[in-house]
Amino acid sequence: MGNIIGIELELLEEVLRKVVREEMKAMRDEIKETLISKRESLLQEERLSTNQVAEILGVTRHTVLSYRKNGELPEPKRDLSGRVYWTPAELENVLLRRGIKTKFPV
């Protein structure tokens, strides 16, 4: 193979692959920490809406409705305006059953 400013192209390609892998890992770790932080923040709320539950579980609103229907989620409570909600304690039980940690060790 050829050389670029005295560096073999194969070596240069390997170095670039390593840098890209490290950057991708750092980005995944940052995204994971952001999601964990967001989940923890939502679990501090008094009442969790369907959309918030979907975000915490990492699923769509439609999936939350399916979970309700098949009993994977407890029946929600309703506020005075009729909107459904769950408490963080109810959701933490669901997370534990699904094997999702709500707090990750550092």
PDB file of N, CA and C in Angstrom:
ATOM      1  N   MET A   1       0.832  -1.188   0.000  1.00  0.00           N
ATOM      2  CA  MET A   1       0.000   0.000   0.000  1.00  0.00           C
ATOM      3  C   MET A   1       0.874   1.249   0.000  1.00  0.00           C
ATOM      4  N   GLY A   2       0.260   2.402  -0.236  1.00  0.00           N
ATOM      5  CA  GLY A   2       1.010   3.641  -0.342  1.00  0.00           C
ATOM      6  C   GLY A   2       1.278   4.293   0.996  1.00  0.00           C
ATOM      7  N   ASN A   3       2.028   5.383   0.934  1.00  0.00           N
ATOM      8  CA  ASN A   3       2.359   6.169   2.123  1.00  0.00           C
ATOM      9  C   ASN A   3       1.801   7.576   1.977  1.00  0.00           C
ATOM     10  N   ILE A   4       1.405   8.140   3.085  1.00  0.00           N
ATOM     11  CA  ILE A   4       1.019   9.546   3.133  1.00  0.00           C
ATOM     12  C   ILE A   4       1.892  10.160   4.206  1.00  0.00           C
ATOM     13  N   ILE A   5       2.637  11.166   3.837  1.00  0.00           N
ATOM     14  CA  ILE A   5       3.603  11.825   4.724  1.00  0.00           C
ATOM     15  C   ILE A   5       4.292  10.844   5.665  1.00  0.00           C
ATOM     16  N   GLY A   6       4.781   9.784   5.067  1.00  0.00           N
ATOM     17  CA  GLY A   6       5.584   8.824   5.812  1.00  0.00           C
ATOM     18  C   GLY A   6       4.801   7.828   6.651  1.00  0.00           C
ATOM     19  N   ILE A   7       3.461   7.810   6.556  1.00  0.00           N
ATOM     20  CA  ILE A   7       2.649   6.877   7.337  1.00  0.00           C
ATOM     21  C   ILE A   7       1.977   5.915   6.363  1.00  0.00           C
ATOM     22  N   GLU A   8       2.078   4.657   6.632  1.00  0.00           N
ATOM     23  CA  GLU A   8       1.404   3.677   5.771  1.00  0.00           C
ATOM     24  C   GLU A   8      -0.109   3.851   5.898  1.00  0.00           C
ATOM     25  N   LEU A   9      -0.787   3.714   4.779  1.00  0.00           N
ATOM     26  CA  LEU A   9      -2.239   3.898   4.764  1.00  0.00           C
ATOM     27  C   LEU A   9      -2.952   2.910   5.689  1.00  0.00           C
ATOM     28  N   GLU A  10      -2.481   1.684   5.762  1.00  0.00           N
ATOM     29  CA  GLU A  10      -3.111   0.699   6.654  1.00  0.00           C
ATOM     30  C   GLU A  10      -3.035   1.149   8.108  1.00  0.00           C
ATOM     31  N   LEU A  11      -1.876   1.676   8.496  1.00  0.00           N
ATOM     32  CA  LEU A  11      -1.716   2.162   9.871  1.00  0.00           C
ATOM     33  C   LEU A  11      -2.627   3.362  10.109  1.00  0.00           C
ATOM     34  N   LEU A  12      -2.676   4.256   9.135  1.00  0.00           N
ATOM     35  CA  LEU A  12      -3.546   5.425   9.252  1.00  0.00           C
ATOM     36  C   LEU A  12      -5.011   5.008   9.373  1.00  0.00           C
ATOM     37  N   GLU A  13      -5.444   4.054   8.566  1.00  0.00           N
ATOM     38  CA  GLU A  13      -6.816   3.553   8.637  1.00  0.00           C
ATOM     39  C   GLU A  13      -7.106   2.951  10.003  1.00  0.00           C
ATOM     40  N   GLU A  14      -6.184   2.191  10.543  1.00  0.00           N
ATOM     41  CA  GLU A  14      -6.377   1.570  11.860  1.00  0.00           C
ATOM     42  C   GLU A  14      -6.494   2.632  12.951  1.00  0.00           C
ATOM     43  N   VAL A  15      -5.646   3.650  12.888  1.00  0.00           N
ATOM     44  CA  VAL A  15      -5.698   4.737  13.873  1.00  0.00           C
ATOM     45  C   VAL A  15      -7.046   5.451  13.774  1.00  0.00           C
ATOM     46  N   LEU A  16      -7.479   5.737  12.550  1.00  0.00           N
ATOM     47  CA  LEU A  16      -8.770   6.406  12.369  1.00  0.00           C
ATOM     48  C   LEU A  16      -9.926   5.550  12.886  1.00  0.00           C
ATOM     49  N   ARG A  17      -9.893   4.243  12.620  1.00  0.00           N
ATOM     50  CA  ARG A  17     -10.941   3.352  13.137  1.00  0.00           C
ATOM     51  C   ARG A  17     -10.981   3.386  14.663  1.00  0.00           C
ATOM     52  N   LYS A  18      -9.802   3.372  15.276  1.00  0.00           N
ATOM     53  CA  LYS A  18      -9.732   3.393  16.737  1.00  0.00           C
ATOM     54  C   LYS A  18     -10.311   4.700  17.286  1.00  0.00           C
ATOM     55  N   VAL A  19      -9.964   5.817  16.670  1.00  0.00           N
ATOM     56  CA  VAL A  19     -10.479   7.117  17.117  1.00  0.00           C
ATOM     57  C   VAL A  19     -11.996   7.161  16.975  1.00  0.00           C
ATOM     58  N   VAL A  20     -12.507   6.683  15.849  1.00  0.00           N
ATOM     59  CA  VAL A  20     -13.958   6.686  15.623  1.00  0.00           C
ATOM     60  C   VAL A  20     -14.650   5.787  16.641  1.00  0.00           C
ATOM     61  N   ARG A  21     -14.102   4.609  16.911  1.00  0.00           N
ATOM     62  CA  ARG A  21     -14.698   3.702  17.913  1.00  0.00           C
ATOM     63  C   ARG A  21     -14.753   4.364  19.282  1.00  0.00           C
ATOM     64  N   GLU A  22     -13.660   5.026  19.676  1.00  0.00           N
ATOM     65  CA  GLU A  22     -13.624   5.699  20.981  1.00  0.00           C
ATOM     66  C   GLU A  22     -14.648   6.835  21.051  1.00  0.00           C
ATOM     67  N   GLU A  23     -14.755   7.605  19.969  1.00  0.00           N
ATOM     68  CA  GLU A  23     -15.731   8.696  19.925  1.00  0.00           C
ATOM     69  C   GLU A  23     -17.156   8.161  19.991  1.00  0.00           C
ATOM     70  N   MET A  24     -17.436   7.088  19.267  1.00  0.00           N
ATOM     71  CA  MET A  24     -18.776   6.482  19.284  1.00  0.00           C
ATOM     72  C   MET A  24     -19.112   5.972  20.681  1.00  0.00           C
ATOM     73  N   LYS A  25     -18.152   5.349  21.353  1.00  0.00           N
ATOM     74  CA  LYS A  25     -18.384   4.856  22.714  1.00  0.00           C
ATOM     75  C   LYS A  25     -18.676   6.025  23.647  1.00  0.00           C
ATOM     76  N   ALA A  26     -17.905   7.097  23.530  1.00  0.00           N
ATOM     77  CA  ALA A  26     -18.131   8.276  24.372  1.00  0.00           C
ATOM     78  C   ALA A  26     -19.519   8.857  24.122  1.00  0.00           C
ATOM     79  N   MET A  27     -19.936   8.917  22.870  1.00  0.00           N
ATOM     80  CA  MET A  27     -21.271   9.431  22.545  1.00  0.00           C
ATOM     81  C   MET A  27     -22.360   8.530  23.112  1.00  0.00           C
ATOM     82  N   ARG A  28     -22.196   7.196  22.994  1.00  0.00           N
ATOM     83  CA  ARG A  28     -23.198   6.269  23.550  1.00  0.00           C
ATOM     84  C   ARG A  28     -23.282   6.421  25.056  1.00  0.00           C
ATOM     85  N   ASP A  29     -22.120   6.547  25.720  1.00  0.00           N
ATOM     86  CA  ASP A  29     -22.112   6.719  27.172  1.00  0.00           C
ATOM     87  C   ASP A  29     -22.814   8.005  27.579  1.00  0.00           C
ATOM     88  N   GLU A  30     -22.571   9.071  26.824  1.00  0.00           N
ATOM     89  CA  GLU A  30     -23.203  10.352  27.127  1.00  0.00           C
ATOM     90  C   GLU A  30     -24.719  10.272  26.941  1.00  0.00           C
ATOM     91  N   ILE A  31     -25.153   9.630  25.872  1.00  0.00           N
ATOM     92  CA  ILE A  31     -26.585   9.461  25.629  1.00  0.00           C
ATOM     93  C   ILE A  31     -27.213   8.626  26.735  1.00  0.00           C
ATOM     94  N   LYS A  32     -26.533   7.552  27.140  1.00  0.00           N
ATOM     95  CA  LYS A  32     -27.041   6.688  28.212  1.00  0.00           C
ATOM     96  C   LYS A  32     -27.195   7.475  29.508  1.00  0.00           C
ATOM     97  N   GLU A  33     -26.182   8.268  29.851  1.00  0.00           N
ATOM     98  CA  GLU A  33     -26.255   9.073  31.073  1.00  0.00           C
ATOM     99  C   GLU A  33     -27.393  10.089  30.999  1.00  0.00           C
ATOM    100  N   THR A  34     -27.596  10.688  29.831  1.00  0.00           N
ATOM    101  CA  THR A  34     -28.685  11.646  29.656  1.00  0.00           C
ATOM    102  C   THR A  34     -30.032  10.967  29.857  1.00  0.00           C
ATOM    103  N   LEU A  35     -30.196   9.775  29.273  1.00  0.00           N
ATOM    104  CA  LEU A  35     -31.455   9.044  29.422  1.00  0.00           C
ATOM    105  C   LEU A  35     -31.694   8.633  30.868  1.00  0.00           C
ATOM    106  N   ILE A  36     -30.641   8.189  31.539  1.00  0.00           N
ATOM    107  CA  ILE A  36     -30.767   7.794  32.949  1.00  0.00           C
ATOM    108  C   ILE A  36     -31.173   9.007  33.778  1.00  0.00           C
ATOM    109  N   SER A  37     -30.519  10.138  33.524  1.00  0.00           N
ATOM    110  CA  SER A  37     -30.826  11.358  34.259  1.00  0.00           C
ATOM    111  C   SER A  37     -32.273  11.785  34.012  1.00  0.00           C
ATOM    112  N   LYS A  38     -32.710  11.712  32.765  1.00  0.00           N
ATOM    113  CA  LYS A  38     -34.084  12.078  32.415  1.00  0.00           C
ATOM    114  C   LYS A  38     -35.082  11.150  33.120  1.00  0.00           C
ATOM    115  N   ARG A  39     -34.783   9.852  33.114  1.00  0.00           N
ATOM    116  CA  ARG A  39     -35.658   8.876  33.773  1.00  0.00           C
ATOM    117  C   ARG A  39     -35.745   9.184  35.266  1.00  0.00           C
ATOM    118  N   GLU A  40     -34.593   9.442  35.884  1.00  0.00           N
ATOM    119  CA  GLU A  40     -34.579   9.752  37.316  1.00  0.00           C
ATOM    120  C   GLU A  40     -35.359  11.031  37.603  1.00  0.00           C
ATOM    121  N   SER A  41     -35.205  12.020  36.725  1.00  0.00           N
ATOM    122  CA  SER A  41     -35.917  13.279  36.896  1.00  0.00           C
ATOM    123  C   SER A  41     -37.431  13.060  36.811  1.00  0.00           C
ATOM    124  N   LEU A  42     -37.865  12.285  35.838  1.00  0.00           N
ATOM    125  CA  LEU A  42     -39.296  12.017  35.686  1.00  0.00           C
ATOM    126  C   LEU A  42     -39.851  11.260  36.883  1.00  0.00           C
ATOM    127  N   LEU A  43     -39.038  10.367  37.443  1.00  0.00           N
ATOM    128  CA  LEU A  43     -39.509   9.584  38.586  1.00  0.00           C
ATOM    129  C   LEU A  43     -39.652  10.430  39.850  1.00  0.00           C
ATOM    130  N   GLN A  44     -39.214  11.690  39.797  1.00  0.00           N
ATOM    131  CA  GLN A  44     -39.395  12.597  40.928  1.00  0.00           C
ATOM    132  C   GLN A  44     -40.757  13.295  40.885  1.00  0.00           C
ATOM    133  N   GLU A  45     -41.440  13.176  39.760  1.00  0.00           N
ATOM    134  CA  GLU A  45     -42.758  13.792  39.613  1.00  0.00           C
ATOM    135  C   GLU A  45     -43.759  13.084  40.529  1.00  0.00           C
ATOM    136  N   GLU A  46     -44.816  13.807  40.927  1.00  0.00           N
ATOM    137  CA  GLU A  46     -45.878  13.202  41.735  1.00  0.00           C
ATOM    138  C   GLU A  46     -46.756  12.294  40.904  1.00  0.00           C
ATOM    139  N   ARG A  47     -47.042  12.738  39.691  1.00  0.00           N
ATOM    140  CA  ARG A  47     -47.928  11.998  38.790  1.00  0.00           C
ATOM    141  C   ARG A  47     -47.256  11.873  37.435  1.00  0.00           C
ATOM    142  N   LEU A  48     -47.363  10.694  36.853  1.00  0.00           N
ATOM    143  CA  LEU A  48     -46.746  10.439  35.553  1.00  0.00           C
ATOM    144  C   LEU A  48     -47.819  10.187  34.507  1.00  0.00           C
ATOM    145  N   SER A  49     -47.783  10.972  33.452  1.00  0.00           N
ATOM    146  CA  SER A  49     -48.747  10.821  32.362  1.00  0.00           C
ATOM    147  C   SER A  49     -48.356   9.637  31.479  1.00  0.00           C
ATOM    148  N   THR A  50     -49.231   9.309  30.563  1.00  0.00           N
ATOM    149  CA  THR A  50     -48.951   8.218  29.617  1.00  0.00           C
ATOM    150  C   THR A  50     -47.674   8.513  28.833  1.00  0.00           C
ATOM    151  N   ASN A  51     -47.513   9.742  28.368  1.00  0.00           N
ATOM    152  CA  ASN A  51     -46.315  10.110  27.611  1.00  0.00           C
ATOM    153  C   ASN A  51     -45.052   9.994  28.466  1.00  0.00           C
ATOM    154  N   GLN A  52     -45.132  10.413  29.722  1.00  0.00           N
ATOM    155  CA  GLN A  52     -43.972  10.313  30.605  1.00  0.00           C
ATOM    156  C   GLN A  52     -43.617   8.855  30.879  1.00  0.00           C
ATOM    157  N   VAL A  53     -44.640   8.025  31.095  1.00  0.00           N
ATOM    158  CA  VAL A  53     -44.408   6.601  31.311  1.00  0.00           C
ATOM    159  C   VAL A  53     -43.737   5.993  30.080  1.00  0.00           C
ATOM    160  N   ALA A  54     -44.204   6.363  28.899  1.00  0.00           N
ATOM    161  CA  ALA A  54     -43.603   5.860  27.662  1.00  0.00           C
ATOM    162  C   ALA A  54     -42.130   6.255  27.586  1.00  0.00           C
ATOM    163  N   GLU A  55     -41.830   7.487  27.938  1.00  0.00           N
ATOM    164  CA  GLU A  55     -40.448   7.961  27.891  1.00  0.00           C
ATOM    165  C   GLU A  55     -39.566   7.208  28.881  1.00  0.00           C
ATOM    166  N   ILE A  56     -40.069   6.989  30.076  1.00  0.00           N
ATOM    167  CA  ILE A  56     -39.295   6.270  31.095  1.00  0.00           C
ATOM    168  C   ILE A  56     -39.039   4.830  30.670  1.00  0.00           C
ATOM    169  N   LEU A  57     -40.054   4.186  30.112  1.00  0.00           N
ATOM    170  CA  LEU A  57     -39.915   2.786  29.702  1.00  0.00           C
ATOM    171  C   LEU A  57     -39.185   2.641  28.370  1.00  0.00           C
ATOM    172  N   GLY A  58     -39.032   3.751  27.656  1.00  0.00           N
ATOM    173  CA  GLY A  58     -38.363   3.691  26.360  1.00  0.00           C
ATOM    174  C   GLY A  58     -39.217   3.044  25.278  1.00  0.00           C
ATOM    175  N   VAL A  59     -40.525   3.281  25.376  1.00  0.00           N
ATOM    176  CA  VAL A  59     -41.463   2.711  24.408  1.00  0.00           C
ATOM    177  C   VAL A  59     -42.361   3.831  23.889  1.00  0.00           C
ATOM    178  N   THR A  60     -43.254   3.485  22.974  1.00  0.00           N
ATOM    179  CA  THR A  60     -44.196   4.478  22.455  1.00  0.00           C
ATOM    180  C   THR A  60     -45.430   4.566  23.353  1.00  0.00           C
ATOM    181  N   ARG A  61     -46.192   5.619  23.137  1.00  0.00           N
ATOM    182  CA  ARG A  61     -47.465   5.791  23.853  1.00  0.00           C
ATOM    183  C   ARG A  61     -48.385   4.598  23.575  1.00  0.00           C
ATOM    184  N   HIS A  62     -48.402   4.147  22.334  1.00  0.00           N
ATOM    185  CA  HIS A  62     -49.231   3.001  21.946  1.00  0.00           C
ATOM    186  C   HIS A  62     -48.845   1.755  22.750  1.00  0.00           C
ATOM    187  N   THR A  63     -47.544   1.555  22.957  1.00  0.00           N
ATOM    188  CA  THR A  63     -47.083   0.396  23.733  1.00  0.00           C
ATOM    189  C   THR A  63     -47.553   0.502  25.180  1.00  0.00           C
ATOM    190  N   VAL A  64     -47.523   1.706  25.745  1.00  0.00           N
ATOM    191  CA  VAL A  64     -48.017   1.897  27.120  1.00  0.00           C
ATOM    192  C   VAL A  64     -49.488   1.499  27.181  1.00  0.00           C
ATOM    193  N   LEU A  65     -50.258   1.889  26.191  1.00  0.00           N
ATOM    194  CA  LEU A  65     -51.681   1.523  26.167  1.00  0.00           C
ATOM    195  C   LEU A  65     -51.844   0.006  26.058  1.00  0.00           C
ATOM    196  N   SER A  66     -50.974  -0.636  25.285  1.00  0.00           N
ATOM    197  CA  SER A  66     -51.001  -2.108  25.188  1.00  0.00           C
ATOM    198  C   SER A  66     -50.645  -2.742  26.522  1.00  0.00           C
ATOM    199  N   TYR A  67     -49.633  -2.193  27.196  1.00  0.00           N
ATOM    200  CA  TYR A  67     -49.243  -2.711  28.516  1.00  0.00           C
ATOM    201  C   TYR A  67     -50.409  -2.601  29.495  1.00  0.00           C
ATOM    202  N   ARG A  68     -51.140  -1.491  29.428  1.00  0.00           N
ATOM    203  CA  ARG A  68     -52.325  -1.329  30.288  1.00  0.00           C
ATOM    204  C   ARG A  68     -53.342  -2.416  29.998  1.00  0.00           C
ATOM    205  N   LYS A  69     -53.587  -2.620  28.713  1.00  0.00           N
ATOM    206  CA  LYS A  69     -54.614  -3.563  28.287  1.00  0.00           C
ATOM    207  C   LYS A  69     -54.286  -4.988  28.706  1.00  0.00           C
ATOM    208  N   ASN A  70     -53.011  -5.392  28.582  1.00  0.00           N
ATOM    209  CA  ASN A  70     -52.658  -6.777  28.922  1.00  0.00           C
ATOM    210  C   ASN A  70     -52.182  -6.952  30.363  1.00  0.00           C
ATOM    211  N   GLY A  71     -52.298  -5.892  31.168  1.00  0.00           N
ATOM    212  CA  GLY A  71     -52.020  -6.026  32.597  1.00  0.00           C
ATOM    213  C   GLY A  71     -50.570  -5.856  33.008  1.00  0.00           C
ATOM    214  N   GLU A  72     -49.689  -5.484  32.079  1.00  0.00           N
ATOM    215  CA  GLU A  72     -48.291  -5.263  32.455  1.00  0.00           C
ATOM    216  C   GLU A  72     -48.115  -3.973  33.245  1.00  0.00           C
ATOM    217  N   LEU A  73     -49.048  -3.057  33.092  1.00  0.00           N
ATOM    218  CA  LEU A  73     -49.090  -1.823  33.879  1.00  0.00           C
ATOM    219  C   LEU A  73     -50.350  -1.852  34.722  1.00  0.00           C
ATOM    220  N   PRO A  74     -50.266  -1.363  35.952  1.00  0.00           N
ATOM    221  CA  PRO A  74     -51.497  -1.304  36.748  1.00  0.00           C
ATOM    222  C   PRO A  74     -52.456  -0.282  36.149  1.00  0.00           C
ATOM    223  N   GLU A  75     -53.703  -0.425  36.457  1.00  0.00           N
ATOM    224  CA  GLU A  75     -54.681   0.549  35.992  1.00  0.00           C
ATOM    225  C   GLU A  75     -54.313   1.912  36.575  1.00  0.00           C
ATOM    226  N   PRO A  76     -54.347   2.938  35.753  1.00  0.00           N
ATOM    227  CA  PRO A  76     -53.976   4.264  36.241  1.00  0.00           C
ATOM    228  C   PRO A  76     -55.087   4.871  37.086  1.00  0.00           C
ATOM    229  N   LYS A  77     -54.681   5.856  37.845  1.00  0.00           N
ATOM    230  CA  LYS A  77     -55.654   6.669  38.576  1.00  0.00           C
ATOM    231  C   LYS A  77     -56.098   7.779  37.623  1.00  0.00           C
ATOM    232  N   ARG A  78     -57.124   8.505  37.994  1.00  0.00           N
ATOM    233  CA  ARG A  78     -57.582   9.635  37.179  1.00  0.00           C
ATOM    234  C   ARG A  78     -57.648  10.880  38.051  1.00  0.00           C
ATOM    235  N   ASP A  79     -57.218  12.006  37.466  1.00  0.00           N
ATOM    236  CA  ASP A  79     -57.336  13.261  38.204  1.00  0.00           C
ATOM    237  C   ASP A  79     -58.746  13.818  38.010  1.00  0.00           C
ATOM    238  N   LEU A  80     -59.006  14.973  38.568  1.00  0.00           N
ATOM    239  CA  LEU A  80     -60.359  15.546  38.511  1.00  0.00           C
ATOM    240  C   LEU A  80     -60.826  15.825  37.086  1.00  0.00           C
ATOM    241  N   SER A  81     -59.881  16.046  36.189  1.00  0.00           N
ATOM    242  CA  SER A  81     -60.281  16.307  34.800  1.00  0.00           C
ATOM    243  C   SER A  81     -60.408  15.017  33.991  1.00  0.00           C
ATOM    244  N   GLY A  82     -60.149  13.877  34.617  1.00  0.00           N
ATOM    245  CA  GLY A  82     -60.298  12.595  33.939  1.00  0.00           C
ATOM    246  C   GLY A  82     -59.033  12.070  33.284  1.00  0.00           C
ATOM    247  N   ARG A  83     -57.935  12.851  33.352  1.00  0.00           N
ATOM    248  CA  ARG A  83     -56.677  12.382  32.759  1.00  0.00           C
ATOM    249  C   ARG A  83     -56.062  11.296  33.627  1.00  0.00           C
ATOM    250  N   VAL A  84     -55.507  10.296  32.950  1.00  0.00           N
ATOM    251  CA  VAL A  84     -54.915   9.173  33.678  1.00  0.00           C
ATOM    252  C   VAL A  84     -53.497   9.510  34.112  1.00  0.00           C
ATOM    253  N   TYR A  85     -53.079   8.884  35.210  1.00  0.00           N
ATOM    254  CA  TYR A  85     -51.716   9.037  35.687  1.00  0.00           C
ATOM    255  C   TYR A  85     -51.328   7.841  36.546  1.00  0.00           C
ATOM    256  N   TRP A  86     -50.046   7.649  36.665  1.00  0.00           N
ATOM    257  CA  TRP A  86     -49.482   6.641  37.548  1.00  0.00           C
ATOM    258  C   TRP A  86     -48.561   7.343  38.529  1.00  0.00           C
ATOM    259  N   THR A  87     -48.331   6.713  39.659  1.00  0.00           N
ATOM    260  CA  THR A  87     -47.370   7.267  40.610  1.00  0.00           C
ATOM    261  C   THR A  87     -45.995   6.670  40.306  1.00  0.00           C
ATOM    262  N   PRO A  88     -44.935   7.360  40.712  1.00  0.00           N
ATOM    263  CA  PRO A  88     -43.595   6.805  40.508  1.00  0.00           C
ATOM    264  C   PRO A  88     -43.436   5.431  41.163  1.00  0.00           C
ATOM    265  N   ALA A  89     -44.030   5.227  42.318  1.00  0.00           N
ATOM    266  CA  ALA A  89     -43.913   3.924  43.004  1.00  0.00           C
ATOM    267  C   ALA A  89     -44.502   2.808  42.142  1.00  0.00           C
ATOM    268  N   GLU A  90     -45.645   3.072  41.519  1.00  0.00           N
ATOM    269  CA  GLU A  90     -46.249   2.068  40.641  1.00  0.00           C
ATOM    270  C   GLU A  90     -45.336   1.760  39.466  1.00  0.00           C
ATOM    271  N   LEU A  91     -44.751   2.800  38.918  1.00  0.00           N
ATOM    272  CA  LEU A  91     -43.889   2.601  37.766  1.00  0.00           C
ATOM    273  C   LEU A  91     -42.576   1.918  38.158  1.00  0.00           C
ATOM    274  N   GLU A  92     -42.046   2.240  39.323  1.00  0.00           N
ATOM    275  CA  GLU A  92     -40.820   1.586  39.780  1.00  0.00           C
ATOM    276  C   GLU A  92     -41.032   0.079  39.908  1.00  0.00           C
ATOM    277  N   ASN A  93     -42.214  -0.330  40.371  1.00  0.00           N
ATOM    278  CA  ASN A  93     -42.518  -1.765  40.448  1.00  0.00           C
ATOM    279  C   ASN A  93     -42.496  -2.403  39.064  1.00  0.00           C
ATOM    280  N   VAL A  94     -43.042  -1.702  38.073  1.00  0.00           N
ATOM    281  CA  VAL A  94     -43.040  -2.203  36.700  1.00  0.00           C
ATOM    282  C   VAL A  94     -41.607  -2.305  36.192  1.00  0.00           C
ATOM    283  N   LEU A  95     -40.806  -1.272  36.462  1.00  0.00           N
ATOM    284  CA  LEU A  95     -39.404  -1.277  36.033  1.00  0.00           C
ATOM    285  C   LEU A  95     -38.649  -2.448  36.655  1.00  0.00           C
ATOM    286  N   LEU A  96     -38.896  -2.704  37.921  1.00  0.00           N
ATOM    287  CA  LEU A  96     -38.225  -3.830  38.589  1.00  0.00           C
ATOM    288  C   LEU A  96     -38.633  -5.163  37.968  1.00  0.00           C
ATOM    289  N   ARG A  97     -39.916  -5.323  37.672  1.00  0.00           N
ATOM    290  CA  ARG A  97     -40.383  -6.565  37.042  1.00  0.00           C
ATOM    291  C   ARG A  97     -39.763  -6.751  35.661  1.00  0.00           C
ATOM    292  N   ARG A  98     -39.563  -5.644  34.958  1.00  0.00           N
ATOM    293  CA  ARG A  98     -38.978  -5.724  33.620  1.00  0.00           C
ATOM    294  C   ARG A  98     -37.454  -5.784  33.665  1.00  0.00           C
ATOM    295  N   GLY A  99     -36.874  -5.670  34.858  1.00  0.00           N
ATOM    296  CA  GLY A  99     -35.427  -5.742  34.981  1.00  0.00           C
ATOM    297  C   GLY A  99     -34.711  -4.473  34.600  1.00  0.00           C
ATOM    298  N   ILE A 100     -35.409  -3.343  34.642  1.00  0.00           N
ATOM    299  CA  ILE A 100     -34.798  -2.058  34.312  1.00  0.00           C
ATOM    300  C   ILE A 100     -34.404  -1.379  35.619  1.00  0.00           C
ATOM    301  N   LYS A 101     -33.134  -1.079  35.742  1.00  0.00           N
ATOM    302  CA  LYS A 101     -32.658  -0.379  36.938  1.00  0.00           C
ATOM    303  C   LYS A 101     -33.042   1.074  36.848  1.00  0.00           C
ATOM    304  N   THR A 102     -33.497   1.647  37.972  1.00  0.00           N
ATOM    305  CA  THR A 102     -33.813   3.061  37.962  1.00  0.00           C
ATOM    306  C   THR A 102     -32.604   3.878  38.389  1.00  0.00           C
ATOM    307  N   LYS A 103     -31.670   3.288  39.078  1.00  0.00           N
ATOM    308  CA  LYS A 103     -30.448   3.965  39.470  1.00  0.00           C
ATOM    309  C   LYS A 103     -29.290   3.057  39.102  1.00  0.00           C
ATOM    310  N   PHE A 104     -28.298   3.629  38.457  1.00  0.00           N
ATOM    311  CA  PHE A 104     -27.153   2.852  38.023  1.00  0.00           C
ATOM    312  C   PHE A 104     -25.944   3.254  38.869  1.00  0.00           C
ATOM    313  N   PRO A 105     -25.162   2.260  39.308  1.00  0.00           N
ATOM    314  CA  PRO A 105     -23.959   2.619  40.071  1.00  0.00           C
ATOM    315  C   PRO A 105     -22.962   3.342  39.180  1.00  0.00           C
ATOM    316  N   VAL A 106     -22.222   4.253  39.777  1.00  0.00           N
ATOM    317  CA  VAL A 106     -21.230   5.017  39.021  1.00  0.00           C
ATOM    318  C   VAL A 106     -19.963   4.204  38.884  1.00  0.00           C
TER     319      VAL A 106
END
